[in-house]
Amino acid sequence: MIRPFDWRDLALLRRVRDRGLCLDAQLAFTRGPHILGNALREALAPGRSACTLVARPEGDGIAALGQFVQRGEEPHAKLAFLGPVEALEQDIGGQLLDALAHVAGERGAHNLIADVDESSPAFEGLRRAGFAIYARQRVWRLADQREALTPPDAVWRMEAPHDGHAIRSLYLNLVPGLVQQVEPSPSRTAGGLVYWREGELLGYLDVERGPRGIWVHPYFHPAVEHIERLLAGLLALLHPEDRRPLFVCVRSYQSWLNDPLARLGFEPWVDQAVMVKRLTAAVRRPALAALPAIEGTRPEPTAPFSPMERGEIANFRRQCMG
């Protein structure tokens, strides 16, 4: 049986919260899964951004708990938590994933997204549940050496409302169309950083800050120069007493950023597949509609004409036959 989380499931939640996976990388590295808080808020006010479902088998078996988060009116939902991990090896895990996808679709999400390590036992379980790989990403981590990397001048500035069009244009030019179908442009929370040169936006950093760390998703134009100085310039904007680790997420279509990050002292933290389950399908059929300028009218001649005489028709045929 699969049903929404309620107060009867508090004991189950406490048992599985340390035995599951947070499948939203940004959430995991900035705030942690927060499954308890999200589940309680959802129980008090159903229909909010998070949805928590509980799967309990009829007989003997593993009880499981899953949660997705949908922020605002975004057309996608992120799979935030699934546990325990061993439930994915049984039918109950697949049933729970199907139920989460169904509820996400009812709430208007077009896609359900999960960030998962390909060596994780959850990877095959997600594939069996209909998730497919749309991109890959490597998360880099920097905990120390910030003072040594801080450059004398900062080249970034905080984004402003008038940067919105340029940010979206940079996103559309960099991100493959397949990924754009399942993941929208940066959320524009006014916390990002922009780099302009000679009137052109060449870099944008989508930044999310949380108690556990700082998450950066970079977008760099291939023509950008001095990439190491630009990445080090990010460190100049961090408070010197802020000891939270810095995480930089590099998608496979910008893998050329990996070497500069390694030279700056970042260490590769985790390699993940971005897996997506499509909750909508395109319907292709002809759309029949009357053309108001044509339907119900007869064509009017634009030039006078007269019927051809028989002799003229014969001459015309001879000319056509050579």
C-alpha atoms as a PDB file:
ATOM      1  CA  MET A   1       0.000   0.000   0.000  1.00  0.00           C
ATOM      2  CA  ILE A   2       1.278   3.457  -0.905  1.00  0.00           C
ATOM      3  CA  ARG A   3      -0.167   6.544   0.731  1.00  0.00           C
ATOM      4  CA  PRO A   4       0.834  10.074   1.826  1.00  0.00           C
ATOM      5  CA  PHE A   5       2.983  10.465   4.917  1.00  0.00           C
ATOM      6  CA  ASP A   6       1.153  11.099   8.204  1.00  0.00           C
ATOM      7  CA  TRP A   7       1.861  10.999  11.931  1.00  0.00           C
ATOM      8  CA  ARG A   8       1.743   7.197  12.052  1.00  0.00           C
ATOM      9  CA  ASP A   9       4.958   7.100  10.004  1.00  0.00           C
ATOM     10  CA  LEU A  10       7.236   9.081  12.344  1.00  0.00           C
ATOM     11  CA  ALA A  11       8.928   5.928  13.628  1.00  0.00           C
ATOM     12  CA  LEU A  12       9.561   4.737  10.050  1.00  0.00           C
ATOM     13  CA  LEU A  13      10.967   8.119   9.093  1.00  0.00           C
ATOM     14  CA  ARG A  14      13.435   8.055  11.967  1.00  0.00           C
ATOM     15  CA  ARG A  15      14.549   4.545  10.965  1.00  0.00           C
ATOM     16  CA  VAL A  16      15.174   5.259   7.278  1.00  0.00           C
ATOM     17  CA  ARG A  17      16.436   8.848   7.225  1.00  0.00           C
ATOM     18  CA  ASP A  18      20.046   7.700   7.690  1.00  0.00           C
ATOM     19  CA  ARG A  19      19.686   4.664   5.396  1.00  0.00           C
ATOM     20  CA  GLY A  20      18.444   6.425   2.291  1.00  0.00           C
ATOM     21  CA  LEU A  21      19.781   8.620  -0.488  1.00  0.00           C
ATOM     22  CA  CYS A  22      19.334  12.302  -1.192  1.00  0.00           C
ATOM     23  CA  LEU A  23      18.985  12.404  -4.979  1.00  0.00           C
ATOM     24  CA  ASP A  24      19.037  16.195  -5.314  1.00  0.00           C
ATOM     25  CA  ALA A  25      22.752  17.109  -5.331  1.00  0.00           C
ATOM     26  CA  GLN A  26      22.212  20.820  -4.747  1.00  0.00           C
ATOM     27  CA  LEU A  27      19.978  20.123  -1.765  1.00  0.00           C
ATOM     28  CA  ALA A  28      22.336  17.491  -0.360  1.00  0.00           C
ATOM     29  CA  PHE A  29      25.442  19.703  -0.436  1.00  0.00           C
ATOM     30  CA  THR A  30      23.826  22.932   0.787  1.00  0.00           C
ATOM     31  CA  ARG A  31      21.131  21.901   3.267  1.00  0.00           C
ATOM     32  CA  GLY A  32      20.986  18.135   3.547  1.00  0.00           C
ATOM     33  CA  PRO A  33      17.893  16.126   2.675  1.00  0.00           C
ATOM     34  CA  HIS A  34      15.740  17.720   5.442  1.00  0.00           C
ATOM     35  CA  ILE A  35      13.306  14.887   4.927  1.00  0.00           C
ATOM     36  CA  LEU A  36      11.894  15.181   8.452  1.00  0.00           C
ATOM     37  CA  GLY A  37      11.134  18.883   8.158  1.00  0.00           C
ATOM     38  CA  ASN A  38       9.693  18.545   4.651  1.00  0.00           C
ATOM     39  CA  ALA A  39       7.521  15.594   5.648  1.00  0.00           C
ATOM     40  CA  LEU A  40       6.122  17.371   8.690  1.00  0.00           C
ATOM     41  CA  ARG A  41       5.369  20.545   6.744  1.00  0.00           C
ATOM     42  CA  GLU A  42       3.620  18.509   4.072  1.00  0.00           C
ATOM     43  CA  ALA A  43       1.548  16.720   6.711  1.00  0.00           C
ATOM     44  CA  LEU A  44       0.476  20.048   8.214  1.00  0.00           C
ATOM     45  CA  ALA A  45      -0.179  21.812   4.924  1.00  0.00           C
ATOM     46  CA  PRO A  46      -0.709  19.343   2.048  1.00  0.00           C
ATOM     47  CA  GLY A  47       0.045  20.573  -1.453  1.00  0.00           C
ATOM     48  CA  ARG A  48       3.180  22.558  -0.594  1.00  0.00           C
ATOM     49  CA  SER A  49       6.485  22.219  -2.436  1.00  0.00           C
ATOM     50  CA  ALA A  50       7.417  18.808  -0.984  1.00  0.00           C
ATOM     51  CA  CYS A  51       5.537  15.526  -1.264  1.00  0.00           C
ATOM     52  CA  THR A  52       6.336  12.510   0.919  1.00  0.00           C
ATOM     53  CA  LEU A  53       4.886   9.065   0.244  1.00  0.00           C
ATOM     54  CA  VAL A  54       5.098   5.891   2.316  1.00  0.00           C
ATOM     55  CA  ALA A  55       5.082   2.374   0.869  1.00  0.00           C
ATOM     56  CA  ARG A  56       4.133  -0.459   3.209  1.00  0.00           C
ATOM     57  CA  PRO A  57       3.872  -4.003   1.823  1.00  0.00           C
ATOM     58  CA  GLU A  58       0.810  -6.059   2.695  1.00  0.00           C
ATOM     59  CA  GLY A  59       2.828  -8.933   4.172  1.00  0.00           C
ATOM     60  CA  ASP A  60       6.464  -9.271   5.090  1.00  0.00           C
ATOM     61  CA  GLY A  61       8.777  -6.872   3.324  1.00  0.00           C
ATOM     62  CA  ILE A  62      10.571  -3.562   3.561  1.00  0.00           C
ATOM     63  CA  ALA A  63       8.630  -0.389   4.254  1.00  0.00           C
ATOM     64  CA  ALA A  64      10.008   2.537   2.249  1.00  0.00           C
ATOM     65  CA  LEU A  65       9.686   6.286   2.118  1.00  0.00           C
ATOM     66  CA  GLY A  66      10.195   8.663  -0.831  1.00  0.00           C
ATOM     67  CA  GLN A  67      10.038  12.397  -1.303  1.00  0.00           C
ATOM     68  CA  PHE A  68      10.245  14.890  -4.164  1.00  0.00           C
ATOM     69  CA  VAL A  69      10.473  18.671  -4.098  1.00  0.00           C
ATOM     70  CA  GLN A  70       8.940  21.030  -6.634  1.00  0.00           C
ATOM     71  CA  ARG A  71       9.896  24.665  -6.221  1.00  0.00           C
ATOM     72  CA  GLY A  72       7.235  27.224  -7.066  1.00  0.00           C
ATOM     73  CA  GLU A  73       5.760  26.831 -10.541  1.00  0.00           C
ATOM     74  CA  GLU A  74       8.803  25.093 -12.036  1.00  0.00           C
ATOM     75  CA  PRO A  75       7.905  22.452 -14.644  1.00  0.00           C
ATOM     76  CA  HIS A  76      10.107  19.825 -13.066  1.00  0.00           C
ATOM     77  CA  ALA A  77      10.386  18.068  -9.700  1.00  0.00           C
ATOM     78  CA  LYS A  78      13.563  16.792  -8.012  1.00  0.00           C
ATOM     79  CA  LEU A  79      13.635  13.431  -6.285  1.00  0.00           C
ATOM     80  CA  ALA A  80      14.875  14.535  -2.867  1.00  0.00           C
ATOM     81  CA  PHE A  81      14.979  11.320  -0.833  1.00  0.00           C
ATOM     82  CA  LEU A  82      14.477   7.585  -1.179  1.00  0.00           C
ATOM     83  CA  GLY A  83      15.075   5.089   1.561  1.00  0.00           C
ATOM     84  CA  PRO A  84      16.056   2.600   2.600  1.00  0.00           C
ATOM     85  CA  VAL A  85      18.279   1.925  -0.403  1.00  0.00           C
ATOM     86  CA  GLU A  86      17.632  -1.815  -0.365  1.00  0.00           C
ATOM     87  CA  ALA A  87      13.946  -1.169  -1.119  1.00  0.00           C
ATOM     88  CA  LEU A  88      14.950  -0.401  -4.723  1.00  0.00           C
ATOM     89  CA  GLU A  89      15.967  -4.040  -5.150  1.00  0.00           C
ATOM     90  CA  GLN A  90      12.383  -5.104  -4.504  1.00  0.00           C
ATOM     91  CA  ASP A  91       9.067  -4.430  -6.227  1.00  0.00           C
ATOM     92  CA  ILE A  92       8.020  -2.023  -3.475  1.00  0.00           C
ATOM     93  CA  GLY A  93      10.772   0.402  -4.519  1.00  0.00           C
ATOM     94  CA  GLY A  94       9.599   0.523  -8.136  1.00  0.00           C
ATOM     95  CA  GLN A  95       5.995   0.974  -7.012  1.00  0.00           C
ATOM     96  CA  LEU A  96       7.033   3.874  -4.783  1.00  0.00           C
ATOM     97  CA  LEU A  97       8.903   5.579  -7.643  1.00  0.00           C
ATOM     98  CA  ASP A  98       5.877   5.156  -9.933  1.00  0.00           C
ATOM     99  CA  ALA A  99       3.622   6.687  -7.280  1.00  0.00           C
ATOM    100  CA  LEU A 100       5.961   9.660  -6.788  1.00  0.00           C
ATOM    101  CA  ALA A 101       6.027  10.242 -10.560  1.00  0.00           C
ATOM    102  CA  HIS A 102       2.229  10.046 -10.696  1.00  0.00           C
ATOM    103  CA  VAL A 103       1.754  12.636  -7.942  1.00  0.00           C
ATOM    104  CA  ALA A 104       4.417  14.923  -9.465  1.00  0.00           C
ATOM    105  CA  GLY A 105       2.577  14.795 -12.784  1.00  0.00           C
ATOM    106  CA  GLU A 106      -0.715  15.648 -11.069  1.00  0.00           C
ATOM    107  CA  ARG A 107       0.981  18.714  -9.572  1.00  0.00           C
ATOM    108  CA  GLY A 108       2.012  19.965 -12.996  1.00  0.00           C
ATOM    109  CA  ALA A 109       5.588  18.661 -13.225  1.00  0.00           C
ATOM    110  CA  HIS A 110       6.728  17.571 -16.675  1.00  0.00           C
ATOM    111  CA  ASN A 111       9.817  15.707 -15.444  1.00  0.00           C
ATOM    112  CA  LEU A 112      11.076  13.972 -12.324  1.00  0.00           C
ATOM    113  CA  ILE A 113      14.864  14.383 -11.957  1.00  0.00           C
ATOM    114  CA  ALA A 114      17.379  12.463  -9.837  1.00  0.00           C
ATOM    115  CA  ASP A 115      21.132  12.978  -9.386  1.00  0.00           C
ATOM    116  CA  VAL A 116      22.664   9.566  -8.710  1.00  0.00           C
ATOM    117  CA  ASP A 117      26.097   7.965  -8.612  1.00  0.00           C
ATOM    118  CA  GLU A 118      26.272   5.313 -11.338  1.00  0.00           C
ATOM    119  CA  SER A 119      27.939   2.935  -8.872  1.00  0.00           C
ATOM    120  CA  SER A 120      25.064   3.366  -6.407  1.00  0.00           C
ATOM    121  CA  PRO A 121      22.551   0.528  -5.999  1.00  0.00           C
ATOM    122  CA  ALA A 122      19.865   3.126  -6.744  1.00  0.00           C
ATOM    123  CA  PHE A 123      21.083   3.515 -10.322  1.00  0.00           C
ATOM    124  CA  GLU A 124      19.671   0.256 -11.667  1.00  0.00           C
ATOM    125  CA  GLY A 125      16.497   0.674  -9.637  1.00  0.00           C
ATOM    126  CA  LEU A 126      15.873   4.049 -11.243  1.00  0.00           C
ATOM    127  CA  ARG A 127      16.486   2.643 -14.717  1.00  0.00           C
ATOM    128  CA  ARG A 128      13.978  -0.131 -14.117  1.00  0.00           C
ATOM    129  CA  ALA A 129      11.480   2.529 -13.039  1.00  0.00           C
ATOM    130  CA  GLY A 130      11.781   4.349 -16.376  1.00  0.00           C
ATOM    131  CA  PHE A 131      14.505   6.929 -15.626  1.00  0.00           C
ATOM    132  CA  ALA A 132      17.013   7.692 -18.405  1.00  0.00           C
ATOM    133  CA  ILE A 133      20.362   9.513 -18.379  1.00  0.00           C
ATOM    134  CA  TYR A 134      20.163  13.005 -19.875  1.00  0.00           C
ATOM    135  CA  ALA A 135      23.522  14.373 -18.687  1.00  0.00           C
ATOM    136  CA  ARG A 136      26.458  13.632 -16.432  1.00  0.00           C
ATOM    137  CA  GLN A 137      28.083  15.888 -13.883  1.00  0.00           C
ATOM    138  CA  ARG A 138      31.120  16.016 -11.646  1.00  0.00           C
ATOM    139  CA  VAL A 139      30.928  17.844  -8.323  1.00  0.00           C
ATOM    140  CA  TRP A 140      34.175  19.482  -7.182  1.00  0.00           C
ATOM    141  CA  ARG A 141      34.847  20.477  -3.576  1.00  0.00           C
ATOM    142  CA  LEU A 142      37.135  23.098  -2.046  1.00  0.00           C
ATOM    143  CA  ALA A 143      37.441  23.391   1.714  1.00  0.00           C
ATOM    144  CA  ASP A 144      40.759  25.257   2.253  1.00  0.00           C
ATOM    145  CA  GLN A 145      43.372  27.378   0.424  1.00  0.00           C
ATOM    146  CA  ARG A 146      40.940  30.231  -0.143  1.00  0.00           C
ATOM    147  CA  GLU A 147      43.327  32.953   1.000  1.00  0.00           C
ATOM    148  CA  ALA A 148      46.087  31.764  -1.339  1.00  0.00           C
ATOM    149  CA  LEU A 149      43.729  31.726  -4.319  1.00  0.00           C
ATOM    150  CA  THR A 150      42.118  35.119  -3.778  1.00  0.00           C
ATOM    151  CA  PRO A 151      43.174  37.437  -6.653  1.00  0.00           C
ATOM    152  CA  PRO A 152      43.889  41.166  -6.198  1.00  0.00           C
ATOM    153  CA  ASP A 153      40.805  42.201  -8.157  1.00  0.00           C
ATOM    154  CA  ALA A 154      37.306  40.755  -8.404  1.00  0.00           C
ATOM    155  CA  VAL A 155      35.826  40.432 -11.886  1.00  0.00           C
ATOM    156  CA  TRP A 156      32.341  39.332 -10.901  1.00  0.00           C
ATOM    157  CA  ARG A 157      29.353  41.362  -9.787  1.00  0.00           C
ATOM    158  CA  MET A 158      25.963  40.414  -8.439  1.00  0.00           C
ATOM    159  CA  GLU A 159      23.312  39.858 -11.090  1.00  0.00           C
ATOM    160  CA  ALA A 160      20.707  42.557 -11.643  1.00  0.00           C
ATOM    161  CA  PRO A 161      17.236  42.419 -13.221  1.00  0.00           C
ATOM    162  CA  HIS A 162      18.526  43.833 -16.512  1.00  0.00           C
ATOM    163  CA  ASP A 163      20.909  40.832 -16.840  1.00  0.00           C
ATOM    164  CA  GLY A 164      18.009  38.406 -17.256  1.00  0.00           C
ATOM    165  CA  HIS A 165      17.850  38.375 -21.054  1.00  0.00           C
ATOM    166  CA  ALA A 166      21.614  37.888 -21.423  1.00  0.00           C
ATOM    167  CA  ILE A 167      21.648  35.076 -18.846  1.00  0.00           C
ATOM    168  CA  ARG A 168      18.906  33.213 -20.683  1.00  0.00           C
ATOM    169  CA  SER A 169      20.667  33.726 -24.021  1.00  0.00           C
ATOM    170  CA  LEU A 170      23.913  32.303 -22.581  1.00  0.00           C
ATOM    171  CA  TYR A 171      22.010  29.309 -21.216  1.00  0.00           C
ATOM    172  CA  LEU A 172      20.310  28.619 -24.556  1.00  0.00           C
ATOM    173  CA  ASN A 173      23.627  28.784 -26.418  1.00  0.00           C
ATOM    174  CA  LEU A 174      25.528  26.506 -24.015  1.00  0.00           C
ATOM    175  CA  VAL A 175      23.124  23.833 -22.807  1.00  0.00           C
ATOM    176  CA  PRO A 176      22.222  21.042 -25.278  1.00  0.00           C
ATOM    177  CA  GLY A 177      18.629  21.078 -26.476  1.00  0.00           C
ATOM    178  CA  LEU A 178      17.940  17.644 -24.971  1.00  0.00           C
ATOM    179  CA  VAL A 179      18.842  18.913 -21.503  1.00  0.00           C
ATOM    180  CA  GLN A 180      16.840  22.101 -22.009  1.00  0.00           C
ATOM    181  CA  GLN A 181      13.743  19.939 -22.508  1.00  0.00           C
ATOM    182  CA  VAL A 182      13.948  18.569 -18.982  1.00  0.00           C
ATOM    183  CA  GLU A 183      15.624  21.358 -17.028  1.00  0.00           C
ATOM    184  CA  PRO A 184      14.752  25.061 -17.297  1.00  0.00           C
ATOM    185  CA  SER A 185      17.139  28.000 -17.290  1.00  0.00           C
ATOM    186  CA  PRO A 186      18.723  29.174 -13.990  1.00  0.00           C
ATOM    187  CA  SER A 187      16.188  30.019 -11.291  1.00  0.00           C
ATOM    188  CA  ARG A 188      17.210  33.689 -11.094  1.00  0.00           C
ATOM    189  CA  THR A 189      17.083  34.036  -7.340  1.00  0.00           C
ATOM    190  CA  ALA A 190      19.112  37.279  -7.544  1.00  0.00           C
ATOM    191  CA  GLY A 191      22.024  35.500  -5.851  1.00  0.00           C
ATOM    192  CA  GLY A 192      24.012  34.733  -8.990  1.00  0.00           C
ATOM    193  CA  LEU A 193      27.170  36.375 -10.344  1.00  0.00           C
ATOM    194  CA  VAL A 194      27.755  37.724 -13.851  1.00  0.00           C
ATOM    195  CA  TYR A 195      30.919  38.441 -15.843  1.00  0.00           C
ATOM    196  CA  TRP A 196      30.687  40.945 -18.706  1.00  0.00           C
ATOM    197  CA  ARG A 197      33.425  41.848 -21.137  1.00  0.00           C
ATOM    198  CA  GLU A 198      33.096  44.423 -23.905  1.00  0.00           C
ATOM    199  CA  GLY A 199      29.320  44.426 -23.669  1.00  0.00           C
ATOM    200  CA  GLU A 200      28.915  40.623 -23.834  1.00  0.00           C
ATOM    201  CA  LEU A 201      27.983  38.254 -21.018  1.00  0.00           C
ATOM    202  CA  LEU A 202      30.668  35.557 -20.993  1.00  0.00           C
ATOM    203  CA  GLY A 203      30.033  33.949 -17.621  1.00  0.00           C
ATOM    204  CA  TYR A 204      27.256  33.325 -15.149  1.00  0.00           C
ATOM    205  CA  LEU A 205      27.443  31.525 -11.796  1.00  0.00           C
ATOM    206  CA  ASP A 206      24.182  30.223 -10.366  1.00  0.00           C
ATOM    207  CA  VAL A 207      24.874  30.289  -6.608  1.00  0.00           C
ATOM    208  CA  GLU A 208      22.920  28.616  -3.807  1.00  0.00           C
ATOM    209  CA  ARG A 209      24.000  29.059  -0.169  1.00  0.00           C
ATOM    210  CA  GLY A 210      23.045  26.782   2.689  1.00  0.00           C
ATOM    211  CA  PRO A 211      24.215  25.823   6.170  1.00  0.00           C
ATOM    212  CA  ARG A 212      26.202  22.843   4.855  1.00  0.00           C
ATOM    213  CA  GLY A 213      27.929  24.482   1.918  1.00  0.00           C
ATOM    214  CA  ILE A 214      27.864  26.794  -1.088  1.00  0.00           C
ATOM    215  CA  TRP A 215      26.761  25.361  -4.441  1.00  0.00           C
ATOM    216  CA  VAL A 216      27.869  26.896  -7.738  1.00  0.00           C
ATOM    217  CA  HIS A 217      26.607  25.899 -11.178  1.00  0.00           C
ATOM    218  CA  PRO A 218      28.790  27.677 -13.786  1.00  0.00           C
ATOM    219  CA  TYR A 219      27.873  28.723 -17.325  1.00  0.00           C
ATOM    220  CA  PHE A 220      30.910  29.889 -19.333  1.00  0.00           C
ATOM    221  CA  HIS A 221      31.024  30.928 -22.969  1.00  0.00           C
ATOM    222  CA  PRO A 222      33.718  28.927 -24.846  1.00  0.00           C
ATOM    223  CA  ALA A 223      35.377  32.195 -25.890  1.00  0.00           C
ATOM    224  CA  VAL A 224      36.113  33.193 -22.302  1.00  0.00           C
ATOM    225  CA  GLU A 225      39.774  33.803 -21.431  1.00  0.00           C
ATOM    226  CA  HIS A 226      41.735  33.494 -18.179  1.00  0.00           C
ATOM    227  CA  ILE A 227      39.326  30.930 -16.811  1.00  0.00           C
ATOM    228  CA  GLU A 228      41.458  30.200 -13.740  1.00  0.00           C
ATOM    229  CA  ARG A 229      41.458  33.897 -12.781  1.00  0.00           C
ATOM    230  CA  LEU A 230      37.697  33.991 -13.163  1.00  0.00           C
ATOM    231  CA  LEU A 231      37.201  30.906 -10.994  1.00  0.00           C
ATOM    232  CA  ALA A 232      39.590  32.271  -8.387  1.00  0.00           C
ATOM    233  CA  GLY A 233      37.693  35.564  -8.533  1.00  0.00           C
ATOM    234  CA  LEU A 234      34.701  33.729  -7.120  1.00  0.00           C
ATOM    235  CA  LEU A 235      36.712  33.064  -3.956  1.00  0.00           C
ATOM    236  CA  ALA A 236      37.363  36.771  -3.505  1.00  0.00           C
ATOM    237  CA  LEU A 237      33.646  37.276  -2.928  1.00  0.00           C
ATOM    238  CA  LEU A 238      33.462  34.750  -0.081  1.00  0.00           C
ATOM    239  CA  HIS A 239      33.781  36.039   3.446  1.00  0.00           C
ATOM    240  CA  PRO A 240      37.217  35.087   4.843  1.00  0.00           C
ATOM    241  CA  GLU A 241      35.634  33.634   7.986  1.00  0.00           C
ATOM    242  CA  ASP A 242      33.116  31.548   6.047  1.00  0.00           C
ATOM    243  CA  ARG A 243      34.448  28.012   6.396  1.00  0.00           C
ATOM    244  CA  ARG A 244      31.633  26.257   4.572  1.00  0.00           C
ATOM    245  CA  PRO A 245      32.914  24.033   1.749  1.00  0.00           C
ATOM    246  CA  LEU A 246      32.470  25.295  -1.793  1.00  0.00           C
ATOM    247  CA  PHE A 247      30.981  22.876  -4.348  1.00  0.00           C
ATOM    248  CA  VAL A 248      31.159  23.479  -8.099  1.00  0.00           C
ATOM    249  CA  CYS A 249      28.949  21.361 -10.355  1.00  0.00           C
ATOM    250  CA  VAL A 250      30.406  20.810 -13.842  1.00  0.00           C
ATOM    251  CA  ARG A 251      28.103  19.233 -16.404  1.00  0.00           C
ATOM    252  CA  SER A 252      29.499  16.997 -19.140  1.00  0.00           C
ATOM    253  CA  TYR A 253      28.917  19.656 -21.821  1.00  0.00           C
ATOM    254  CA  GLN A 254      31.360  21.968 -19.952  1.00  0.00           C
ATOM    255  CA  SER A 255      33.932  19.339 -18.985  1.00  0.00           C
ATOM    256  CA  TRP A 256      36.755  21.639 -20.097  1.00  0.00           C
ATOM    257  CA  LEU A 257      36.351  23.351 -16.689  1.00  0.00           C
ATOM    258  CA  ASN A 258      37.617  20.260 -14.868  1.00  0.00           C
ATOM    259  CA  ASP A 259      41.336  20.882 -15.425  1.00  0.00           C
ATOM    260  CA  PRO A 260      41.299  24.548 -14.250  1.00  0.00           C
ATOM    261  CA  LEU A 261      39.407  23.538 -11.101  1.00  0.00           C
ATOM    262  CA  ALA A 262      41.949  20.813 -10.360  1.00  0.00           C
ATOM    263  CA  ARG A 263      44.813  23.305 -10.765  1.00  0.00           C
ATOM    264  CA  LEU A 264      43.105  25.644  -8.304  1.00  0.00           C
ATOM    265  CA  GLY A 265      43.063  22.973  -5.622  1.00  0.00           C
ATOM    266  CA  PHE A 266      39.511  21.673  -5.972  1.00  0.00           C
ATOM    267  CA  GLU A 267      39.122  17.926  -5.521  1.00  0.00           C
ATOM    268  CA  PRO A 268      36.659  15.752  -7.434  1.00  0.00           C
ATOM    269  CA  TRP A 269      34.007  14.805  -4.906  1.00  0.00           C
ATOM    270  CA  VAL A 270      31.437  12.714  -6.783  1.00  0.00           C
ATOM    271  CA  ASP A 271      30.523  11.762 -10.359  1.00  0.00           C
ATOM    272  CA  GLN A 272      26.810  11.547 -11.020  1.00  0.00           C
ATOM    273  CA  ALA A 273      24.311  10.788 -13.741  1.00  0.00           C
ATOM    274  CA  VAL A 274      21.400  13.193 -14.138  1.00  0.00           C
ATOM    275  CA  MET A 275      18.474  10.826 -14.634  1.00  0.00           C
ATOM    276  CA  VAL A 276      15.040  11.933 -15.765  1.00  0.00           C
ATOM    277  CA  LYS A 277      11.635  10.340 -15.981  1.00  0.00           C
ATOM    278  CA  ARG A 278       9.406  12.152 -18.465  1.00  0.00           C
ATOM    279  CA  LEU A 279       5.903  12.675 -17.106  1.00  0.00           C
ATOM    280  CA  THR A 280       4.416  14.116 -20.284  1.00  0.00           C
ATOM    281  CA  ALA A 281       4.445  13.025 -23.928  1.00  0.00           C
ATOM    282  CA  ALA A 282       4.220  15.110 -27.056  1.00  0.00           C
ATOM    283  CA  VAL A 283       1.001  14.618 -29.034  1.00  0.00           C
ATOM    284  CA  ARG A 284       1.491  15.168 -32.750  1.00  0.00           C
ATOM    285  CA  ARG A 285      -1.686  15.508 -34.787  1.00  0.00           C
ATOM    286  CA  PRO A 286      -2.872  17.969 -37.437  1.00  0.00           C
ATOM    287  CA  ALA A 287      -4.657  21.034 -36.134  1.00  0.00           C
ATOM    288  CA  LEU A 288      -7.511  21.714 -38.547  1.00  0.00           C
ATOM    289  CA  ALA A 289      -8.752  25.278 -38.597  1.00  0.00           C
ATOM    290  CA  ALA A 290     -10.639  27.345 -41.129  1.00  0.00           C
ATOM    291  CA  LEU A 291      -8.784  30.183 -42.797  1.00  0.00           C
ATOM    292  CA  PRO A 292     -11.153  33.130 -42.505  1.00  0.00           C
ATOM    293  CA  ALA A 293      -9.934  34.758 -45.683  1.00  0.00           C
ATOM    294  CA  ILE A 294     -10.630  31.633 -47.768  1.00  0.00           C
ATOM    295  CA  GLU A 295     -13.380  29.529 -46.181  1.00  0.00           C
ATOM    296  CA  GLY A 296     -16.834  30.401 -47.480  1.00  0.00           C
ATOM    297  CA  THR A 297     -15.584  32.539 -50.364  1.00  0.00           C
ATOM    298  CA  ARG A 298     -14.868  32.024 -54.037  1.00  0.00           C
ATOM    299  CA  PRO A 299     -11.590  33.140 -55.594  1.00  0.00           C
ATOM    300  CA  GLU A 300     -11.834  36.292 -57.637  1.00  0.00           C
ATOM    301  CA  PRO A 301      -9.769  36.592 -60.840  1.00  0.00           C
ATOM    302  CA  THR A 302      -7.027  39.185 -60.672  1.00  0.00           C
ATOM    303  CA  ALA A 303      -6.684  39.624 -64.471  1.00  0.00           C
ATOM    304  CA  PRO A 304      -9.098  39.224 -67.393  1.00  0.00           C
ATOM    305  CA  PHE A 305      -8.892  35.990 -69.428  1.00  0.00           C
ATOM    306  CA  SER A 306     -10.700  34.520 -72.414  1.00  0.00           C
ATOM    307  CA  PRO A 307     -11.139  30.899 -73.593  1.00  0.00           C
ATOM    308  CA  MET A 308      -8.637  29.618 -76.170  1.00  0.00           C
ATOM    309  CA  GLU A 309      -9.889  28.785 -79.680  1.00  0.00           C
ATOM    310  CA  ARG A 310      -9.392  25.261 -81.077  1.00  0.00           C
ATOM    311  CA  GLY A 311      -6.638  26.398 -83.422  1.00  0.00           C
ATOM    312  CA  GLU A 312      -4.792  28.064 -80.606  1.00  0.00           C
ATOM    313  CA  ILE A 313      -5.063  24.886 -78.519  1.00  0.00           C
ATOM    314  CA  ALA A 314      -3.604  22.807 -81.395  1.00  0.00           C
ATOM    315  CA  ASN A 315      -0.689  25.222 -81.834  1.00  0.00           C
ATOM    316  CA  PHE A 316      -0.043  25.151 -78.076  1.00  0.00           C
ATOM    317  CA  ARG A 317       0.077  21.339 -78.055  1.00  0.00           C
ATOM    318  CA  ARG A 318       2.520  21.241 -81.014  1.00  0.00           C
ATOM    319  CA  GLN A 319       4.825  23.694 -79.192  1.00  0.00           C
ATOM    320  CA  CYS A 320       4.753  21.557 -76.052  1.00  0.00           C
ATOM    321  CA  MET A 321       5.583  18.382 -78.030  1.00  0.00           C
ATOM    322  CA  GLY A 322       8.497  20.054 -79.713  1.00  0.00           C
END
